[in-house]
N, C-alpha and C. Protein backbone atom coordinates (compact mmCIF):
# COMPACT_ATOMS: atom_id res chain seq x y z
N MET A 1 136.81 159.87 267.79
CA MET A 1 137.08 158.40 267.18
C MET A 1 138.52 158.02 267.41
N MET A 2 138.40 156.62 267.92
CA MET A 2 139.79 155.95 267.79
C MET A 2 140.10 155.08 266.60
N THR A 3 141.44 155.44 266.17
CA THR A 3 142.11 154.44 265.05
C THR A 3 142.83 153.50 265.52
N GLU A 4 143.69 152.58 264.83
CA GLU A 4 144.59 151.65 265.36
C GLU A 4 145.85 152.95 265.70
N THR A 5 146.02 153.42 265.34
CA THR A 5 147.21 154.46 265.58
C THR A 5 146.84 155.58 266.68
N SER A 6 145.77 155.59 267.00
CA SER A 6 145.52 156.77 268.17
C SER A 6 145.25 156.34 269.49
N ILE A 7 145.09 156.93 270.53
CA ILE A 7 144.81 156.72 271.66
C ILE A 7 143.52 157.88 271.93
N PRO A 8 142.76 157.79 273.11
CA PRO A 8 141.64 158.81 273.31
C PRO A 8 142.27 160.09 273.68
N THR A 9 141.34 160.87 273.65
CA THR A 9 141.95 162.11 274.41
C THR A 9 141.45 162.61 275.40
N PHE A 10 142.01 163.37 276.21
CA PHE A 10 141.61 163.39 277.74
C PHE A 10 139.89 163.72 277.90
N SER A 11 139.31 164.32 276.76
CA SER A 11 137.95 164.74 276.91
C SER A 11 137.00 163.60 276.85
N GLN A 12 137.80 162.42 276.22
CA GLN A 12 136.78 161.05 276.09
C GLN A 12 137.08 160.25 277.19
N LEU A 13 137.86 160.49 278.06
CA LEU A 13 137.84 159.99 279.32
C LEU A 13 136.92 160.39 280.50
N SER A 14 136.15 159.56 281.29
CA SER A 14 135.30 160.09 282.75
C SER A 14 136.01 161.02 283.42
N ASP A 15 135.35 161.75 284.06
CA ASP A 15 136.09 162.61 285.23
C ASP A 15 136.72 161.92 286.18
N THR A 16 136.17 160.70 286.35
CA THR A 16 136.42 159.65 287.43
C THR A 16 137.81 159.11 287.18
N SER A 17 138.16 159.38 285.92
CA SER A 17 139.54 158.36 285.44
C SER A 17 140.64 158.81 286.50
N ARG A 18 141.71 157.92 286.62
CA ARG A 18 142.60 158.06 287.42
C ARG A 18 143.90 158.85 286.92
N VAL A 19 144.62 159.68 287.42
CA VAL A 19 145.70 160.34 287.05
C VAL A 19 147.16 160.23 287.65
N TRP A 20 148.09 160.16 286.92
CA TRP A 20 149.40 160.65 287.75
C TRP A 20 150.11 161.51 287.12
N ILE A 21 150.98 162.54 287.79
CA ILE A 21 151.46 163.68 287.44
C ILE A 21 152.88 163.85 287.46
N PHE A 22 153.46 163.95 286.49
CA PHE A 22 155.03 163.89 286.64
C PHE A 22 155.53 165.14 286.00
N GLN A 23 156.35 166.03 287.36
CA GLN A 23 156.56 167.34 287.00
C GLN A 23 158.04 166.99 286.51
N SER A 24 158.58 167.81 285.38
CA SER A 24 159.75 168.21 284.86
C SER A 24 160.42 169.27 285.62
N SER A 25 161.61 169.15 285.75
CA SER A 25 162.25 170.24 286.34
C SER A 25 162.86 171.24 285.25
N LYS A 26 162.82 170.91 284.32
CA LYS A 26 163.06 172.07 283.31
C LYS A 26 161.76 172.12 281.98
N GLU A 27 161.73 173.28 281.56
CA GLU A 27 160.87 173.29 280.53
C GLU A 27 161.17 172.43 279.40
N LEU A 28 159.98 171.89 278.76
CA LEU A 28 160.37 170.84 277.74
C LEU A 28 160.05 171.56 276.29
N SER A 29 161.21 171.62 275.49
CA SER A 29 161.03 172.15 274.24
C SER A 29 160.26 171.56 273.11
N GLU A 30 159.54 172.36 272.20
CA GLU A 30 159.08 171.59 271.36
C GLU A 30 159.10 170.51 270.73
N GLN A 31 160.31 170.42 270.77
CA GLN A 31 161.00 168.80 269.93
C GLN A 31 160.75 167.70 271.06
N TRP A 32 161.40 168.17 272.07
CA TRP A 32 161.21 167.07 273.07
C TRP A 32 159.65 166.59 273.33
N SER A 33 158.79 167.74 273.61
CA SER A 33 157.35 167.44 273.57
C SER A 33 157.32 166.54 272.63
N GLN A 34 157.33 166.54 271.52
CA GLN A 34 156.93 165.81 270.25
C GLN A 34 157.59 164.35 270.57
N LEU A 35 158.89 164.19 270.84
CA LEU A 35 159.50 162.73 271.07
C LEU A 35 158.97 162.29 272.10
N ILE A 36 158.43 162.74 273.14
CA ILE A 36 157.74 162.31 274.55
C ILE A 36 156.67 161.84 274.19
N SER A 37 155.78 162.71 273.26
CA SER A 37 154.14 162.31 272.85
C SER A 37 154.31 160.89 271.99
N THR A 38 155.28 160.77 270.98
CA THR A 38 155.53 159.84 270.14
C THR A 38 155.72 158.45 271.23
N GLU A 39 156.64 158.60 272.21
CA GLU A 39 156.93 157.55 273.15
C GLU A 39 155.42 157.03 274.02
N LEU A 40 154.81 158.26 274.57
CA LEU A 40 153.87 158.02 275.45
C LEU A 40 152.20 157.15 274.60
N THR A 41 152.44 157.82 273.04
CA THR A 41 151.73 157.27 272.54
C THR A 41 151.46 155.84 272.30
N SER A 42 152.64 155.55 271.86
CA SER A 42 153.26 154.08 271.25
C SER A 42 152.94 153.29 272.90
N PHE A 43 153.47 153.58 274.09
CA PHE A 43 153.11 152.90 275.08
C PHE A 43 151.80 152.82 275.34
N LEU A 44 151.04 153.90 275.53
CA LEU A 44 149.49 153.70 275.59
C LEU A 44 148.61 152.74 274.69
N GLN A 45 149.05 152.87 273.58
CA GLN A 45 148.13 152.08 272.82
C GLN A 45 148.75 150.36 272.92
N ASP A 46 149.45 150.26 273.59
CA ASP A 46 149.63 148.61 274.05
C ASP A 46 149.44 148.30 275.86
N TRP A 47 149.12 149.55 276.43
CA TRP A 47 149.18 149.65 277.76
C TRP A 47 147.89 148.28 278.04
N ALA A 48 148.00 147.60 279.03
CA ALA A 48 147.02 146.68 279.02
C ALA A 48 147.14 146.39 280.64
N ALA A 49 146.03 145.72 281.47
CA ALA A 49 146.22 144.96 282.63
C ALA A 49 145.78 144.06 282.45
N HIS A 50 146.39 142.65 282.85
CA HIS A 50 146.12 141.57 282.61
C HIS A 50 144.97 141.22 281.38
N GLY A 51 145.45 141.61 280.38
CA GLY A 51 145.04 141.30 279.14
C GLY A 51 144.06 141.73 278.47
N LYS A 52 143.61 143.26 279.33
CA LYS A 52 142.44 144.02 279.12
C LYS A 52 143.27 145.33 278.63
N ASP A 53 142.88 146.00 277.43
CA ASP A 53 143.52 147.13 277.14
C ASP A 53 143.20 148.27 278.05
N LEU A 54 143.82 149.19 278.51
CA LEU A 54 143.68 150.40 279.10
C LEU A 54 143.18 151.36 278.24
N PHE A 55 141.90 152.03 278.76
CA PHE A 55 141.49 153.19 278.33
C PHE A 55 142.29 154.38 278.55
N ALA A 56 143.26 154.85 278.13
CA ALA A 56 144.37 156.08 278.31
C ALA A 56 144.78 156.94 277.84
N SER A 57 144.97 158.14 278.36
CA SER A 57 145.61 159.05 277.61
C SER A 57 146.76 159.91 278.37
N PHE A 58 147.06 161.06 277.75
CA PHE A 58 148.02 161.85 278.38
C PHE A 58 148.17 163.19 277.75
N GLU A 59 148.56 164.22 278.54
CA GLU A 59 148.76 165.68 278.07
C GLU A 59 149.96 165.97 278.73
N ILE A 60 150.52 166.84 277.92
CA ILE A 60 151.65 167.57 278.44
C ILE A 60 151.11 168.95 278.69
N ARG A 61 151.37 169.50 279.86
CA ARG A 61 150.58 170.86 280.25
C ARG A 61 151.91 171.49 280.55
N PHE A 62 151.55 172.71 280.15
CA PHE A 62 152.70 174.14 280.90
C PHE A 62 154.16 173.54 280.14
N ASN A 63 154.32 172.80 279.43
CA ASN A 63 155.65 172.37 278.78
C ASN A 63 156.49 171.92 280.02
N ARG A 64 156.05 171.10 280.81
CA ARG A 64 156.50 170.80 282.31
C ARG A 64 155.75 169.76 282.82
N PHE A 65 154.66 169.36 282.47
CA PHE A 65 154.05 168.43 283.63
C PHE A 65 153.56 167.36 282.29
N ILE A 66 153.99 166.05 282.71
CA ILE A 66 153.22 165.04 281.96
C ILE A 66 152.01 164.59 282.86
N VAL A 67 150.88 164.48 282.14
CA VAL A 67 149.75 163.89 283.00
C VAL A 67 149.40 162.69 282.02
N ILE A 68 149.10 161.52 283.12
CA ILE A 68 148.78 160.30 282.36
C ILE A 68 147.26 159.85 282.94
N ALA A 69 146.44 159.50 282.27
CA ALA A 69 145.47 159.21 283.09
C ALA A 69 144.25 157.87 282.29
N VAL A 70 143.81 157.15 283.12
CA VAL A 70 143.59 155.73 282.75
C VAL A 70 141.83 156.11 283.31
N ASP A 71 140.60 155.52 282.40
CA ASP A 71 139.64 155.38 282.83
C ASP A 71 139.15 154.02 283.07
N GLU A 72 139.28 153.93 284.57
CA GLU A 72 139.30 152.42 285.33
C GLU A 72 137.70 152.11 285.25
N ASN A 73 136.84 152.76 285.05
CA ASN A 73 135.41 152.35 284.33
C ASN A 73 135.48 151.36 283.39
N MET A 74 136.46 151.30 282.22
CA MET A 74 136.90 150.38 281.38
C MET A 74 137.44 149.33 281.78
N ALA A 75 138.83 149.70 282.23
CA ALA A 75 139.52 148.44 282.83
C ALA A 75 140.52 149.14 283.70
N GLY A 76 140.59 148.57 285.10
CA GLY A 76 141.33 149.00 286.14
C GLY A 76 142.79 148.93 285.96
N ALA A 77 143.48 149.70 286.24
CA ALA A 77 145.06 149.72 286.12
C ALA A 77 145.58 148.65 287.34
N THR A 78 146.34 147.64 287.06
CA THR A 78 146.78 146.79 288.45
C THR A 78 148.23 147.35 288.62
N GLY A 79 148.57 146.84 289.79
CA GLY A 79 150.09 146.82 290.10
C GLY A 79 150.96 146.59 289.01
N CYS A 80 150.90 145.45 288.31
CA CYS A 80 151.98 145.41 287.07
C CYS A 80 151.87 146.59 285.99
N SER A 81 150.61 146.93 285.68
CA SER A 81 150.42 147.93 284.83
C SER A 81 150.98 149.28 284.93
N ILE A 82 151.02 149.20 286.39
CA ILE A 82 151.37 150.79 287.28
C ILE A 82 153.08 150.64 286.86
N ASP A 83 153.55 149.56 287.25
CA ASP A 83 155.12 149.35 287.23
C ASP A 83 155.51 149.77 285.96
N LYS A 84 154.66 149.16 285.02
CA LYS A 84 155.06 149.28 283.43
C LYS A 84 155.17 150.90 283.09
N MET A 85 154.17 151.47 283.42
CA MET A 85 153.97 152.95 283.42
C MET A 85 154.98 153.58 283.92
N MET A 86 155.46 153.25 285.38
CA MET A 86 156.51 153.76 285.77
C MET A 86 158.03 153.55 285.06
N LYS A 87 158.12 152.50 284.33
CA LYS A 87 159.25 152.03 283.67
C LYS A 87 159.24 152.80 282.41
N GLU A 88 158.12 153.18 282.03
CA GLU A 88 158.24 154.22 280.72
C GLU A 88 158.61 155.60 281.04
N ILE A 89 158.17 156.07 281.95
CA ILE A 89 158.45 157.05 282.70
C ILE A 89 159.63 157.13 283.20
N GLN A 90 160.13 156.04 283.85
CA GLN A 90 161.56 156.45 283.86
C GLN A 90 162.71 156.24 282.69
N SER A 91 162.17 155.69 281.57
CA SER A 91 163.04 155.60 280.45
C SER A 91 162.92 156.74 279.81
N ILE A 92 161.76 157.73 279.94
CA ILE A 92 161.85 158.98 279.47
C ILE A 92 162.62 159.75 280.33
N ASP A 93 162.80 159.82 281.59
CA ASP A 93 163.14 160.34 282.48
C ASP A 93 164.84 160.27 281.94
N LEU A 94 165.26 159.08 282.03
CA LEU A 94 166.93 159.44 281.67
C LEU A 94 166.98 159.61 280.40
N LYS A 95 166.11 159.58 279.23
CA LYS A 95 166.62 160.16 278.00
C LYS A 95 166.55 161.45 277.84
N PHE A 96 166.14 162.27 278.92
CA PHE A 96 165.80 163.64 278.88
C PHE A 96 166.38 164.34 279.91
N ASN A 97 166.68 163.61 280.59
CA ASN A 97 167.27 164.19 281.89
C ASN A 97 166.24 165.20 282.59
N LEU A 98 165.12 164.62 283.02
CA LEU A 98 164.06 165.61 283.25
C LEU A 98 163.54 165.53 284.90
N ASN A 99 164.34 164.70 285.81
CA ASN A 99 163.99 164.73 287.02
C ASN A 99 162.62 164.39 287.49
N LEU A 100 161.86 163.63 286.78
CA LEU A 100 160.34 163.46 286.49
C LEU A 100 159.66 162.84 288.03
N LEU A 101 160.84 162.05 288.47
CA LEU A 101 160.21 161.23 289.62
C LEU A 101 160.78 161.51 291.05
N GLU A 102 161.11 162.87 290.96
CA GLU A 102 161.66 163.93 292.16
C GLU A 102 160.23 164.15 292.81
N ARG A 103 159.92 163.81 294.23
CA ARG A 103 158.61 164.18 294.67
C ARG A 103 158.90 165.71 295.59
N MET A 104 159.86 165.76 295.88
CA MET A 104 160.12 166.82 297.02
C MET A 104 160.47 168.20 296.38
N LYS A 105 159.75 168.47 295.67
CA LYS A 105 159.68 169.72 294.65
C LYS A 105 158.40 170.32 294.50
N VAL A 106 158.19 171.76 294.49
CA VAL A 106 157.05 172.59 294.48
C VAL A 106 157.18 173.30 293.27
N ALA A 107 156.27 172.94 292.49
CA ALA A 107 156.18 174.17 291.14
C ALA A 107 154.86 175.23 291.59
N TYR A 108 155.49 176.26 291.47
CA TYR A 108 154.22 177.45 291.84
C TYR A 108 154.26 178.60 290.60
N ARG A 109 153.33 179.58 290.82
CA ARG A 109 153.49 180.47 289.66
C ARG A 109 154.06 181.73 290.52
N ASP A 110 154.99 182.42 289.61
CA ASP A 110 156.00 183.10 289.96
C ASP A 110 155.61 184.31 289.06
N GLY A 111 154.62 185.02 289.17
CA GLY A 111 154.07 186.08 288.01
C GLY A 111 153.45 185.19 286.97
N LYS A 112 153.84 185.16 285.94
CA LYS A 112 153.18 184.23 284.83
C LYS A 112 154.05 183.18 284.57
N GLU A 113 155.03 183.05 285.19
CA GLU A 113 156.08 182.15 284.98
C GLU A 113 155.62 180.86 285.85
N ILE A 114 156.16 179.80 285.54
CA ILE A 114 156.24 178.61 286.42
C ILE A 114 157.82 178.19 286.84
N SER A 115 157.94 178.38 288.40
CA SER A 115 158.87 178.24 288.72
C SER A 115 158.83 176.84 289.72
N GLU A 116 160.30 176.25 290.13
CA GLU A 116 160.05 175.18 290.83
C GLU A 116 161.46 175.19 291.72
N VAL A 117 161.19 174.88 293.07
CA VAL A 117 161.97 174.92 293.94
C VAL A 117 161.72 173.58 294.96
N SER A 118 162.94 173.25 295.80
CA SER A 118 162.68 172.35 296.56
C SER A 118 161.72 172.32 297.73
N VAL A 119 160.82 171.45 298.16
CA VAL A 119 160.11 171.81 299.39
C VAL A 119 160.72 172.79 300.33
N ASN A 120 162.16 172.37 300.85
CA ASN A 120 162.68 173.10 301.82
C ASN A 120 162.72 174.75 301.33
N ASP A 121 163.21 174.95 300.22
CA ASP A 121 163.46 176.32 299.70
C ASP A 121 162.02 176.86 299.56
N PHE A 122 160.86 176.31 299.18
CA PHE A 122 159.37 176.78 299.13
C PHE A 122 159.25 177.07 300.56
N SER A 123 159.40 176.23 301.38
CA SER A 123 159.25 176.73 302.80
C SER A 123 159.98 177.80 303.43
N ALA A 124 161.17 178.19 303.19
CA ALA A 124 161.71 179.55 303.33
C ALA A 124 161.02 180.64 302.41
N LEU A 125 161.01 180.44 301.11
CA LEU A 125 159.72 181.81 300.36
C LEU A 125 158.82 181.84 301.32
N LEU A 126 158.10 180.91 301.86
CA LEU A 126 156.87 181.09 302.92
C LEU A 126 157.47 181.90 303.80
N LYS A 127 158.31 181.84 304.58
CA LYS A 127 158.85 182.22 305.93
C LYS A 127 159.21 183.69 305.47
N SER A 128 159.94 184.04 304.26
CA SER A 128 160.26 185.17 303.90
C SER A 128 159.23 185.93 303.44
N GLY A 129 157.77 185.95 303.36
CA GLY A 129 156.75 186.27 302.80
C GLY A 129 156.95 186.48 301.32
N LYS A 130 157.98 185.94 300.41
CA LYS A 130 157.80 185.91 298.73
C LYS A 130 156.86 185.09 298.33
N ALA A 131 156.47 184.03 299.09
CA ALA A 131 155.29 183.22 299.13
C ALA A 131 154.21 183.36 299.82
N THR A 132 153.12 183.40 299.72
CA THR A 132 152.13 183.55 300.49
C THR A 132 150.97 182.26 300.55
N GLU A 133 150.18 182.57 301.54
CA GLU A 133 149.03 181.33 301.31
C GLU A 133 148.05 181.48 300.10
N ASN A 134 148.32 182.63 299.54
CA ASN A 134 147.49 182.73 298.26
C ASN A 134 148.53 182.62 296.81
N THR A 135 149.68 182.20 297.16
CA THR A 135 150.63 181.59 295.88
C THR A 135 149.86 180.65 295.33
N MET A 136 149.92 180.31 294.02
CA MET A 136 149.30 179.41 293.15
C MET A 136 150.06 178.22 293.35
N VAL A 137 150.13 177.32 293.63
CA VAL A 137 150.99 176.00 293.26
C VAL A 137 150.51 174.80 292.67
N PHE A 138 151.13 173.95 292.21
CA PHE A 138 150.65 172.79 291.40
C PHE A 138 150.48 171.59 292.27
N ASN A 139 149.48 171.12 292.71
CA ASN A 139 149.13 169.92 293.46
C ASN A 139 149.07 168.68 293.00
N ASN A 140 150.18 168.07 292.70
CA ASN A 140 150.39 166.75 291.88
C ASN A 140 149.70 165.77 292.44
N THR A 141 149.23 166.03 293.62
CA THR A 141 148.72 164.79 294.15
C THR A 141 147.40 164.61 294.04
N VAL A 142 146.68 165.17 292.82
CA VAL A 142 145.50 165.07 292.43
C VAL A 142 145.33 163.58 292.11
N GLN A 143 144.33 163.03 292.16
CA GLN A 143 143.99 161.54 291.89
C GLN A 143 143.06 161.41 290.77
N THR A 144 142.01 162.18 290.31
CA THR A 144 141.30 161.91 289.07
C THR A 144 141.19 163.43 288.00
N ILE A 145 140.60 163.13 287.13
CA ILE A 145 140.49 164.31 286.00
C ILE A 145 139.62 165.03 286.78
N SER A 146 138.99 164.71 287.58
CA SER A 146 137.88 165.79 288.13
C SER A 146 138.66 166.44 289.09
N GLU A 147 139.42 165.98 289.64
CA GLU A 147 140.41 166.89 290.44
C GLU A 147 141.58 167.72 290.03
N LEU A 148 142.01 167.15 289.13
CA LEU A 148 142.97 167.70 287.98
C LEU A 148 142.40 169.24 287.48
N LYS A 149 140.80 169.05 287.36
CA LYS A 149 140.06 170.49 286.42
C LYS A 149 139.97 171.39 287.84
N THR A 150 139.65 170.93 289.05
CA THR A 150 139.53 171.65 290.06
C THR A 150 140.24 172.17 291.09
N ASN A 151 141.38 171.22 291.34
CA ASN A 151 142.10 171.50 292.44
C ASN A 151 143.64 170.98 292.14
N TRP A 152 144.22 171.20 290.70
CA TRP A 152 145.57 171.09 290.54
C TRP A 152 146.31 172.58 290.39
N GLU A 153 145.94 173.45 290.00
CA GLU A 153 146.55 174.91 290.48
C GLU A 153 145.60 175.39 291.30
N THR A 154 146.26 175.55 292.49
CA THR A 154 145.34 175.71 293.49
C THR A 154 146.41 176.83 294.12
N PRO A 155 145.88 177.80 295.52
CA PRO A 155 146.41 178.51 296.35
C PRO A 155 146.89 177.53 297.42
N VAL A 156 148.08 178.05 297.95
CA VAL A 156 148.95 176.95 299.19
C VAL A 156 148.10 176.72 300.13
N SER A 157 147.35 177.84 300.48
CA SER A 157 146.17 177.38 301.67
C SER A 157 145.36 175.99 301.29
N GLN A 158 145.00 175.57 300.06
CA GLN A 158 143.97 174.68 299.62
C GLN A 158 144.86 173.37 299.32
N CYS A 159 146.22 173.12 299.69
CA CYS A 159 146.55 171.70 299.20
C CYS A 159 147.80 171.64 300.21
N TRP A 160 148.32 170.30 299.80
CA TRP A 160 149.53 169.78 301.32
C TRP A 160 150.35 170.84 301.34
N VAL A 161 150.75 171.96 300.49
CA VAL A 161 151.72 172.87 300.69
C VAL A 161 151.29 173.59 301.86
N ALA A 162 150.33 173.76 302.20
CA ALA A 162 149.82 174.63 303.49
C ALA A 162 150.36 173.74 304.64
N ASN A 163 150.82 172.67 304.70
CA ASN A 163 151.63 172.31 306.20
C ASN A 163 153.01 172.91 306.23
N LEU A 164 153.40 173.50 305.37
CA LEU A 164 154.38 174.43 305.34
C LEU A 164 154.16 175.77 305.90
N LEU A 165 153.35 175.96 306.06
CA LEU A 165 153.03 177.51 306.37
C LEU A 165 153.47 177.60 307.76
């Protein structure tokens, strides 16, 4: 149940909810995660499109990824509301120096650890055999909660990174 000071949880959003994934270049400390959570909660409580409140939530996953979702069955995000979200992410990025908006990087499983390299460096890992078509990568191009559940952490061969093979 939502209160005036809360936002919905991911489980309260439909599987068709639109998602945006922002990948940090460094692992977030517990303190930073709490500070970012406070800022995002405050932002999402007031996030609206053309005067309609957006039914939105976020999660911080693996202390590295900020995932924001909006259930567009309730009210759709518009260009202006998406711009506001991007300004909020830019503000967080500047405050913590996380490189959240850099899209030319690949996060992948290196054993149990999550590593991040540039697209060019990941291509070199594939060429050298240190990464293969079965290496698990994070496909930050997924667009819905359903895709997030099924296709976000996926083998190289199953997402855009396969173009580097």
